[in-house]
């Protein structure tokens, strides 16, 4: 953009030395945080801007308003904001700009892909000036070739999540949906496998207390699931109780993003990320080295057959099961769910996280027929799979006693037992990774996909 009109806008590199002065700034929004109530009656939010003169770190701008609707509502990171009469302040060794609701003003314009010079949002005291256009044009032209790259050391991967921690993620937005009362869920992915979680001891008591296949209230359609990657965990992102949901409007399906300070939580043994009032979004380019590194890692994973195994099952799954198709390639549960044909056979590595009925004495009907529903999971999905009739006889090696069945169930579902083989009350379960063969089928030809079910076959529990 060249030299700036000092009367109009101050370059950010000059603004950082203008402590306790009111200045006019224009920059690109690279980070945006949630609106939140301040200690008084005001609402506040913080965003970070860069320009050609200060593109490495940027400057934070703190906004205050009596009504949250009067705060900036950024449509997309990478948009341009014009600020008038903001006060430069120094705090804890950093310089930032403070927007005063009485005398400051702002206007927000689309980023590099926009041709419009009319702001899509502006504050009450904003006044357009003829020179604004050339500064906006200059920033848009600069953005066309600019690559904002922070390196990879700062960001975690999904496989590094720990419950209760806040993490910074670089991830791809796979899907966004609205569930109820304007509540939204975003599904994000980075190609890695989230860690397996511990589970409660008693899973199902026949009274509806069961582990759900999905954590969102509305199951996703097959059409949507077929757009999901079949390797790597797709993390559900929700809004924490009391948190604003504006960030969801800044997410775009199919685009990479950086989510800062996302809270890691576990519900019913399923990971999800919680957006809190401290969560922020940061601008990212598809050509950024960190994104390219993530994509290369995923492409390599797809090219090696063993890489379809869950990361956490290496170097090999447990030997407590034997399968018929030892030489068959592995499939993930998302491979199974999204397979193009209704009827098919697969070999998977999974954890068995639930059984219904729970009591081993109820595994067989009064006439001795096996009829059990197991819940299987891997890093990509959860499904229910039935162990039925002759497949059950193969799985449990005939018709052993209830005591033997109980021991087999405990080993399969990771139930902690004492030295006498008795269950340890309230101890968390840690199911092992096992191999199993699955076959899919439909119950009704009039609704082949809607009535699709799964059965375990060709698998023997030998441990």
Protein backbone atom coordinates (compact mmCIF):
# COMPACT_ATOMS: atom_id res chain seq x y z
CA UNK A 1 0.00 0.00 0.00
CA UNK A 2 3.02 2.23 0.27
CA UNK A 3 3.09 5.35 2.45
CA UNK A 4 0.08 5.99 4.61
CA UNK A 5 -1.95 9.11 5.11
CA UNK A 6 -1.07 9.81 8.78
CA UNK A 7 -4.28 11.76 9.23
CA UNK A 8 -6.29 8.85 7.95
CA UNK A 9 -4.73 5.63 9.24
CA UNK A 10 -1.63 4.88 11.26
CA UNK A 11 0.48 1.86 10.32
CA UNK A 12 0.36 -0.76 13.09
CA UNK A 13 4.14 -0.68 13.54
CA UNK A 14 3.80 3.03 14.37
CA UNK A 15 0.68 2.55 16.48
CA UNK A 16 2.51 0.33 18.99
CA UNK A 17 4.70 3.29 19.95
CA UNK A 18 1.73 5.67 20.31
CA UNK A 19 0.85 4.72 23.89
CA UNK A 20 -2.05 6.69 25.44
CA UNK A 21 -2.91 8.31 22.11
CA UNK A 22 -6.08 8.08 20.04
CA UNK A 23 -5.32 6.74 16.57
CA UNK A 24 -7.08 5.60 13.39
CA UNK A 25 -6.25 2.06 12.22
CA UNK A 26 -7.20 -0.29 9.41
CA UNK A 27 -6.24 -3.95 9.29
CA UNK A 28 -7.13 -7.54 8.51
CA UNK A 29 -8.92 -9.54 11.22
CA UNK A 30 -6.87 -12.69 11.84
CA UNK A 31 -8.38 -13.70 15.19
CA UNK A 32 -11.81 -13.26 16.72
CA UNK A 33 -13.09 -14.09 20.22
CA UNK A 34 -16.51 -14.65 21.73
CA UNK A 35 -18.57 -11.71 23.08
CA UNK A 36 -18.86 -11.88 26.85
CA UNK A 37 -20.30 -9.85 29.68
CA UNK A 38 -17.80 -7.73 31.58
CA UNK A 39 -17.86 -7.19 35.33
CA UNK A 40 -20.11 -4.16 34.90
CA UNK A 41 -23.06 -3.86 32.56
CA UNK A 42 -21.00 -3.81 29.35
CA UNK A 43 -20.29 -6.51 26.80
CA UNK A 44 -16.79 -6.99 25.46
CA UNK A 45 -14.87 -8.91 22.81
CA UNK A 46 -11.33 -8.99 21.46
CA UNK A 47 -10.04 -9.37 17.94
CA UNK A 48 -6.55 -9.24 16.47
CA UNK A 49 -5.55 -7.37 13.31
CA UNK A 50 -2.50 -7.23 11.07
CA UNK A 51 -1.35 -5.04 8.19
CA UNK A 52 1.65 -4.95 5.86
CA UNK A 53 3.77 -3.19 8.48
CA UNK A 54 3.04 -5.58 11.37
CA UNK A 55 2.15 -8.96 9.91
CA UNK A 56 4.06 -11.22 12.28
CA UNK A 57 2.13 -10.82 15.53
CA UNK A 58 -0.64 -8.29 14.98
CA UNK A 59 -2.35 -6.05 17.53
CA UNK A 60 -5.26 -6.98 19.77
CA UNK A 61 -8.26 -4.64 19.83
CA UNK A 62 -10.52 -4.71 22.88
CA UNK A 63 -14.13 -3.61 22.33
CA UNK A 64 -16.69 -2.51 24.90
CA UNK A 65 -20.39 -1.83 24.30
CA UNK A 66 -23.57 -1.57 26.33
CA UNK A 67 -25.27 -4.09 24.05
CA UNK A 68 -23.57 -7.15 22.52
CA UNK A 69 -25.28 -6.39 19.19
CA UNK A 70 -23.16 -3.23 19.03
CA UNK A 71 -19.94 -5.26 19.14
CA UNK A 72 -18.26 -6.25 15.86
CA UNK A 73 -19.83 -9.33 14.27
CA UNK A 74 -17.11 -10.60 11.97
CA UNK A 75 -18.45 -12.59 9.00
CA UNK A 76 -15.10 -14.26 8.31
CA UNK A 77 -11.55 -14.11 9.58
CA UNK A 78 -9.61 -12.28 6.88
CA UNK A 79 -12.17 -9.48 6.68
CA UNK A 80 -11.04 -5.84 6.99
CA UNK A 81 -11.90 -3.55 9.88
CA UNK A 82 -11.51 0.22 9.97
CA UNK A 83 -11.12 1.81 13.42
CA UNK A 84 -11.35 5.49 14.35
CA UNK A 85 -10.21 7.12 17.58
CA UNK A 86 -9.12 4.00 19.42
CA UNK A 87 -6.79 4.42 22.41
CA UNK A 88 -3.42 2.66 22.38
CA UNK A 89 -2.63 1.05 25.74
CA UNK A 90 0.22 -1.01 27.20
CA UNK A 91 -0.68 -3.96 29.44
CA UNK A 92 1.58 -6.73 30.76
CA UNK A 93 4.29 -5.89 28.25
CA UNK A 94 1.94 -5.93 25.24
CA UNK A 95 0.42 -3.04 23.33
CA UNK A 96 -3.24 -3.16 22.32
CA UNK A 97 -5.95 -0.84 21.08
CA UNK A 98 -9.07 -0.08 23.14
CA UNK A 99 -12.37 0.78 21.49
CA UNK A 100 -14.36 3.23 23.60
CA UNK A 101 -18.12 3.05 23.12
CA UNK A 102 -18.45 6.83 23.59
CA UNK A 103 -16.00 8.25 21.05
CA UNK A 104 -14.61 5.37 18.94
CA UNK A 105 -16.11 3.94 15.74
CA UNK A 106 -15.61 0.96 13.43
CA UNK A 107 -16.64 -0.35 10.02
CA UNK A 108 -16.14 -3.90 8.68
CA UNK A 109 -15.65 -4.86 5.03
CA UNK A 110 -15.30 -8.17 3.21
CA UNK A 111 -11.79 -9.52 2.70
CA UNK A 112 -9.79 -10.32 -0.42
CA UNK A 113 -12.64 -12.04 -2.27
CA UNK A 114 -15.00 -9.08 -1.90
CA UNK A 115 -15.52 -6.33 -4.48
CA UNK A 116 -17.77 -4.25 -2.24
CA UNK A 117 -16.66 -1.02 -0.57
CA UNK A 118 -19.79 -0.71 1.55
CA UNK A 119 -19.25 -1.97 5.12
CA UNK A 120 -21.47 -4.88 6.12
CA UNK A 121 -21.45 -3.60 9.70
CA UNK A 122 -20.58 -0.23 11.19
CA UNK A 123 -20.96 1.55 14.51
CA UNK A 124 -23.15 4.54 15.26
CA UNK A 125 -20.36 7.14 15.02
CA UNK A 126 -18.86 5.82 11.79
CA UNK A 127 -18.45 8.33 8.91
CA UNK A 128 -17.33 7.24 5.45
CA UNK A 129 -14.57 9.22 3.76
CA UNK A 130 -13.54 9.20 0.12
CA UNK A 131 -10.02 7.96 0.89
CA UNK A 132 -11.25 4.77 2.59
CA UNK A 133 -11.52 2.89 -0.70
CA UNK A 134 -7.81 3.04 -1.57
CA UNK A 135 -6.79 1.60 1.81
CA UNK A 136 -9.30 -1.23 1.52
CA UNK A 137 -8.15 -1.95 -2.04
CA UNK A 138 -4.54 -1.98 -0.87
CA UNK A 139 -5.19 -4.49 1.88
CA UNK A 140 -7.20 -6.76 -0.41
CA UNK A 141 -4.43 -6.77 -3.01
CA UNK A 142 -1.83 -7.51 -0.35
CA UNK A 143 -3.95 -10.41 1.00
CA UNK A 144 -3.99 -12.15 -2.39
CA UNK A 145 -0.34 -13.19 -2.00
CA UNK A 146 0.03 -13.04 1.77
CA UNK A 147 0.52 -16.32 3.65
CA UNK A 148 0.06 -16.07 7.38
CA UNK A 149 2.14 -18.93 8.79
CA UNK A 150 2.80 -19.50 12.49
CA UNK A 151 4.49 -22.89 12.26
CA UNK A 152 3.31 -26.14 13.86
CA UNK A 153 4.69 -26.12 17.39
CA UNK A 154 1.84 -24.16 18.90
CA UNK A 155 -1.05 -26.43 17.89
CA UNK A 156 -2.18 -29.77 19.30
CA UNK A 157 -3.59 -32.72 17.37
CA UNK A 158 -6.78 -34.58 18.25
CA UNK A 159 -4.75 -37.60 19.35
CA UNK A 160 -3.15 -35.40 22.06
CA UNK A 161 -6.40 -34.38 23.76
CA UNK A 162 -6.76 -34.73 27.53
CA UNK A 163 -10.05 -34.37 29.34
CA UNK A 164 -10.53 -30.96 30.99
CA UNK A 165 -7.68 -29.27 29.12
CA UNK A 166 -8.00 -26.34 26.72
CA UNK A 167 -6.20 -26.91 23.43
CA UNK A 168 -5.41 -24.96 20.27
CA UNK A 169 -6.35 -27.00 17.20
CA UNK A 170 -5.78 -26.62 13.50
CA UNK A 171 -8.52 -28.64 11.86
CA UNK A 172 -10.81 -28.99 8.87
CA UNK A 173 -14.51 -28.23 9.29
CA UNK A 174 -16.36 -31.26 7.90
CA UNK A 175 -19.97 -30.34 8.62
CA UNK A 176 -22.11 -27.88 10.59
CA UNK A 177 -25.69 -28.58 11.59
CA UNK A 178 -28.41 -26.99 13.68
CA UNK A 179 -30.08 -29.30 16.17
CA UNK A 180 -32.67 -27.55 18.38
CA UNK A 181 -33.38 -23.96 19.45
CA UNK A 182 -30.61 -22.51 17.25
CA UNK A 183 -28.10 -24.84 18.94
CA UNK A 184 -25.36 -25.83 16.52
CA UNK A 185 -22.83 -28.62 16.27
CA UNK A 186 -19.69 -28.44 14.18
CA UNK A 187 -17.73 -31.53 13.13
CA UNK A 188 -13.97 -31.02 12.76
CA UNK A 189 -11.08 -33.33 11.82
CA UNK A 190 -7.29 -33.30 11.51
CA UNK A 191 -6.58 -36.87 10.33
CA UNK A 192 -5.48 -38.24 13.72
CA UNK A 193 -7.23 -40.60 16.16
CA UNK A 194 -8.59 -39.24 19.44
CA UNK A 195 -7.48 -41.23 22.52
CA UNK A 196 -9.74 -44.03 23.75
CA UNK A 197 -11.67 -43.14 26.90
CA UNK A 198 -12.41 -45.06 30.09
CA UNK A 199 -15.99 -46.20 30.56
CA UNK A 200 -18.34 -46.79 33.47
CA UNK A 201 -18.58 -50.33 34.80
CA UNK A 202 -22.22 -51.20 34.21
CA UNK A 203 -23.17 -50.08 30.76
CA UNK A 204 -26.76 -51.15 30.21
CA UNK A 205 -29.39 -52.17 32.72
CA UNK A 206 -32.26 -52.63 30.29
CA UNK A 207 -33.90 -49.41 31.46
CA UNK A 208 -32.56 -47.06 28.79
CA UNK A 209 -29.24 -46.40 30.54
CA UNK A 210 -27.06 -47.12 27.54
CA UNK A 211 -24.09 -45.73 25.69
CA UNK A 212 -25.37 -43.93 22.58
CA UNK A 213 -23.87 -44.55 19.13
CA UNK A 214 -23.60 -40.75 18.65
CA UNK A 215 -23.35 -37.83 21.06
CA UNK A 216 -25.55 -35.40 19.14
CA UNK A 217 -29.32 -35.57 19.72
CA UNK A 218 -30.16 -35.97 16.03
CA UNK A 219 -28.41 -38.76 14.09
CA UNK A 220 -26.75 -37.66 10.89
CA UNK A 221 -28.11 -38.91 7.59
CA UNK A 222 -26.20 -41.41 5.49
CA UNK A 223 -25.76 -38.74 2.82
CA UNK A 224 -23.92 -36.48 5.27
CA UNK A 225 -21.88 -39.31 6.78
CA UNK A 226 -20.68 -40.24 3.28
CA UNK A 227 -18.96 -36.83 3.12
CA UNK A 228 -16.93 -37.61 6.27
CA UNK A 229 -13.34 -38.89 6.05
CA UNK A 230 -13.14 -42.61 6.80
CA UNK A 231 -9.86 -42.40 8.73
CA UNK A 232 -9.26 -40.20 11.77
CA UNK A 233 -11.62 -38.91 14.43
CA UNK A 234 -14.31 -36.40 13.52
CA UNK A 235 -14.72 -34.32 16.68
CA UNK A 236 -18.08 -32.85 17.63
CA UNK A 237 -17.80 -29.21 18.71
CA UNK A 238 -20.60 -27.70 20.80
CA UNK A 239 -21.15 -24.51 22.76
CA UNK A 240 -20.51 -24.74 26.49
CA UNK A 241 -23.43 -23.79 28.72
CA UNK A 242 -23.79 -20.01 28.74
CA UNK A 243 -21.29 -19.47 25.91
CA UNK A 244 -22.15 -17.38 22.86
CA UNK A 245 -22.48 -19.23 19.54
CA UNK A 246 -21.22 -16.51 17.18
CA UNK A 247 -18.13 -18.54 16.36
CA UNK A 248 -20.25 -21.17 14.61
CA UNK A 249 -21.24 -18.56 12.03
CA UNK A 250 -17.56 -18.06 11.18
CA UNK A 251 -16.97 -21.73 10.42
CA UNK A 252 -17.29 -22.96 6.84
CA UNK A 253 -17.65 -26.62 5.90
CA UNK A 254 -14.72 -27.80 3.80
CA UNK A 255 -12.35 -25.12 5.12
CA UNK A 256 -9.43 -25.42 7.53
CA UNK A 257 -9.50 -23.27 10.64
CA UNK A 258 -7.63 -22.65 13.86
CA UNK A 259 -9.65 -22.92 17.06
CA UNK A 260 -7.92 -21.50 20.13
CA UNK A 261 -8.74 -22.55 23.69
CA UNK A 262 -11.21 -25.33 22.90
CA UNK A 263 -12.17 -27.28 26.01
CA UNK A 264 -11.80 -31.07 25.77
CA UNK A 265 -14.69 -32.99 27.35
CA UNK A 266 -15.96 -36.58 27.43
CA UNK A 267 -19.65 -37.46 27.44
CA UNK A 268 -20.81 -41.10 27.45
CA UNK A 269 -17.27 -42.07 26.52
CA UNK A 270 -17.28 -39.79 23.45
CA UNK A 271 -14.95 -36.85 22.99
CA UNK A 272 -16.31 -33.44 22.14
CA UNK A 273 -14.88 -29.94 22.09
CA UNK A 274 -16.67 -27.21 24.02
CA UNK A 275 -16.60 -23.59 22.89
CA UNK A 276 -16.36 -21.31 25.91
CA UNK A 277 -16.27 -17.54 26.31
CA UNK A 278 -12.46 -17.78 25.94
CA UNK A 279 -12.51 -19.64 22.61
CA UNK A 280 -11.21 -17.77 19.54
CA UNK A 281 -10.88 -18.41 15.82
CA UNK A 282 -7.73 -17.54 13.89
CA UNK A 283 -7.27 -16.95 10.18
CA UNK A 284 -5.71 -19.77 8.16
CA UNK A 285 -4.78 -20.33 4.54
CA UNK A 286 -5.13 -23.69 2.76
CA UNK A 287 -1.55 -23.18 1.54
CA UNK A 288 -0.13 -22.62 5.02
CA UNK A 289 2.72 -25.02 5.79
CA UNK A 290 0.94 -26.42 8.84
CA UNK A 291 -2.12 -27.35 6.75
CA UNK A 292 0.03 -28.92 4.04
CA UNK A 293 1.88 -30.90 6.71
CA UNK A 294 -1.41 -32.23 8.13
CA UNK A 295 -2.60 -33.20 4.65
CA UNK A 296 0.68 -34.96 3.77
CA UNK A 297 0.50 -36.95 7.00
CA UNK A 298 -3.06 -38.02 6.22
CA UNK A 299 -2.24 -38.95 2.60
CA UNK A 300 0.63 -41.10 3.85
CA UNK A 301 -1.72 -42.78 6.30
CA UNK A 302 -4.16 -43.66 3.51
CA UNK A 303 -1.39 -45.10 1.34
CA UNK A 304 -0.35 -47.74 3.90
CA UNK A 305 -2.88 -50.51 4.63
CA UNK A 306 -1.86 -50.92 8.28
CA UNK A 307 -2.36 -47.19 8.84
CA UNK A 308 -6.12 -47.83 8.76
CA UNK A 309 -5.66 -49.56 12.09
CA UNK A 310 -6.54 -47.34 15.07
CA UNK A 311 -3.45 -45.43 16.18
CA UNK A 312 -3.99 -46.68 19.72
CA UNK A 313 -4.05 -50.38 18.71
CA UNK A 314 -0.40 -50.42 17.57
CA UNK A 315 1.72 -52.46 17.34
CA UNK A 316 -1.09 -55.06 17.14
CA UNK A 317 -4.57 -55.66 18.54
CA UNK A 318 -5.23 -58.06 21.42
CA UNK A 319 -5.05 -61.79 20.68
CA UNK A 320 -8.23 -62.59 22.62
CA UNK A 321 -10.08 -62.97 19.30
CA UNK A 322 -9.37 -64.98 16.17
CA UNK A 323 -10.95 -64.17 12.80
CA UNK A 324 -11.54 -66.12 9.60
CA UNK A 325 -10.16 -63.48 7.22
CA UNK A 326 -6.65 -62.93 8.58
CA UNK A 327 -5.37 -61.72 5.20
CA UNK A 328 -8.25 -59.32 4.49
CA UNK A 329 -7.54 -55.56 4.60
CA UNK A 330 -8.72 -53.59 7.60
CA UNK A 331 -11.72 -51.31 7.37
CA UNK A 332 -12.66 -48.55 9.78
CA UNK A 333 -16.21 -48.35 11.12
CA UNK A 334 -16.73 -45.26 8.97
CA UNK A 335 -15.71 -47.38 5.98
CA UNK A 336 -18.41 -49.83 7.05
CA UNK A 337 -21.11 -47.19 7.55
CA UNK A 338 -20.46 -45.42 4.24
CA UNK A 339 -19.84 -48.49 2.07
CA UNK A 340 -21.67 -48.22 -1.26
CA UNK A 341 -23.48 -51.57 -0.97
CA UNK A 342 -25.98 -52.59 1.67
CA UNK A 343 -24.66 -56.13 2.07
CA UNK A 344 -20.94 -56.58 2.55
CA UNK A 345 -18.29 -58.17 4.76
CA UNK A 346 -15.47 -56.40 6.61
CA UNK A 347 -12.59 -57.00 8.98
CA UNK A 348 -12.19 -54.32 11.66
CA UNK A 349 -10.21 -53.46 14.76
CA UNK A 350 -12.59 -52.18 17.44
CA UNK A 351 -13.29 -51.90 21.13
CA UNK A 352 -16.45 -53.52 22.50
CA UNK A 353 -17.76 -50.86 24.85
CA UNK A 354 -21.26 -52.14 25.68
CA UNK A 355 -23.36 -55.27 25.71
CA UNK A 356 -27.12 -55.75 25.89
CA UNK A 357 -28.21 -57.66 27.80
CA UNK A 358 -25.46 -57.07 30.33
CA UNK A 359 -25.84 -60.23 32.42
CA UNK A 360 -24.14 -63.22 30.80
CA UNK A 361 -27.02 -65.42 31.95
CA UNK A 362 -29.28 -63.56 29.54
CA UNK A 363 -27.05 -63.96 26.48
CA UNK A 364 -29.12 -66.96 25.30
CA UNK A 365 -32.86 -67.34 24.86
CA UNK A 366 -34.75 -70.05 26.79
CA UNK A 367 -34.18 -72.40 23.86
CA UNK A 368 -30.43 -71.68 23.84
CA UNK A 369 -30.16 -69.22 20.93
CA UNK A 370 -27.57 -66.46 21.31
CA UNK A 371 -29.07 -62.94 20.99
CA UNK A 372 -26.73 -60.14 22.07
CA UNK A 373 -26.25 -56.58 20.86
CA UNK A 374 -22.72 -55.26 21.23
CA UNK A 375 -21.69 -51.63 20.79
CA UNK A 376 -18.43 -51.32 18.87
CA UNK A 377 -16.23 -48.27 18.50
CA UNK A 378 -13.06 -47.19 16.79
CA UNK A 379 -11.69 -43.65 16.37
CA UNK A 380 -14.07 -42.99 13.45
CA UNK A 381 -17.50 -44.16 14.65
CA UNK A 382 -19.70 -46.28 16.88
CA UNK A 383 -22.17 -48.92 15.73
CA UNK A 384 -24.39 -51.64 17.21
CA UNK A 385 -23.56 -55.16 16.00
CA UNK A 386 -25.47 -58.33 16.87
CA UNK A 387 -24.08 -61.69 17.92
CA UNK A 388 -26.80 -64.13 16.93
CA UNK A 389 -27.49 -67.86 16.76
CA UNK A 390 -24.68 -69.86 15.10
CA UNK A 391 -22.43 -66.79 14.96
CA UNK A 392 -22.73 -66.66 18.76
CA UNK A 393 -21.85 -70.32 19.06
CA UNK A 394 -18.67 -69.64 17.09
CA UNK A 395 -17.94 -66.44 19.03
CA UNK A 396 -18.28 -68.06 22.47
CA UNK A 397 -16.98 -71.49 21.39
CA UNK A 398 -20.20 -73.39 21.90
CA UNK A 399 -22.46 -73.15 24.96
CA UNK A 400 -20.20 -72.62 27.97
CA UNK A 401 -21.50 -72.09 31.51
CA UNK A 402 -22.71 -68.71 32.73
CA UNK A 403 -19.52 -68.34 34.80
CA UNK A 404 -17.35 -68.86 31.71
CA UNK A 405 -19.52 -66.49 29.67
CA UNK A 406 -19.15 -63.87 32.40
CA UNK A 407 -15.36 -64.20 32.33
CA UNK A 408 -15.39 -63.85 28.56
CA UNK A 409 -17.65 -60.81 28.76
CA UNK A 410 -15.41 -59.18 31.37
CA UNK A 411 -12.32 -59.69 29.23
CA UNK A 412 -14.08 -58.45 26.09
CA UNK A 413 -15.50 -55.32 27.70
CA UNK A 414 -12.50 -54.53 29.92
CA UNK A 415 -14.28 -55.07 33.22
CA UNK A 416 -11.88 -54.81 36.16
CA UNK A 417 -11.97 -57.88 38.44
CA UNK A 418 -10.26 -58.80 41.70
CA UNK A 419 -8.07 -61.85 42.34
CA UNK A 420 -11.22 -63.96 42.78
CA UNK A 421 -12.62 -62.92 39.41
CA UNK A 422 -15.30 -60.70 40.94
CA UNK A 423 -16.13 -57.31 39.40
CA UNK A 424 -14.59 -54.32 41.17
CA UNK A 425 -17.45 -51.93 41.83
CA UNK A 426 -17.22 -48.48 40.15
CA UNK A 427 -13.85 -49.27 38.57
CA UNK A 428 -13.49 -47.78 35.07
CA UNK A 429 -13.49 -50.19 32.15
CA UNK A 430 -10.72 -50.25 29.55
CA UNK A 431 -11.77 -52.55 26.68
CA UNK A 432 -8.98 -54.00 24.55
CA UNK A 433 -8.62 -53.47 20.82
CA UNK A 434 -9.73 -56.66 19.07
CA UNK A 435 -10.17 -57.96 15.54
CA UNK A 436 -13.63 -58.97 14.38
CA UNK A 437 -15.46 -59.75 11.15
CA UNK A 438 -18.64 -57.83 10.39
CA UNK A 439 -21.36 -58.35 7.81
CA UNK A 440 -24.04 -55.86 6.92
CA UNK A 441 -27.58 -56.76 5.85
CA UNK A 442 -31.05 -55.23 5.59
CA UNK A 443 -34.28 -56.26 7.25
CA UNK A 444 -36.68 -54.80 4.69
CA UNK A 445 -36.17 -54.62 0.94
CA UNK A 446 -38.56 -51.68 0.86
CA UNK A 447 -36.08 -49.67 2.98
CA UNK A 448 -32.68 -51.22 2.45
CA UNK A 449 -30.60 -48.39 3.93
CA UNK A 450 -32.97 -47.51 6.74
CA UNK A 451 -33.15 -51.14 7.89
CA UNK A 452 -29.43 -51.85 7.53
CA UNK A 453 -27.93 -53.76 10.48
CA UNK A 454 -24.59 -55.37 11.35
CA UNK A 455 -23.66 -58.81 12.69
CA UNK A 456 -20.42 -60.23 13.99
CA UNK A 457 -19.44 -63.46 12.23
CA UNK A 458 -16.33 -65.53 11.64
CA UNK A 459 -14.92 -64.38 14.98
CA UNK A 460 -13.94 -66.45 18.01
CA UNK A 461 -13.37 -65.12 21.54
CA UNK A 462 -10.51 -67.32 22.75
CA UNK A 463 -9.15 -65.37 25.69
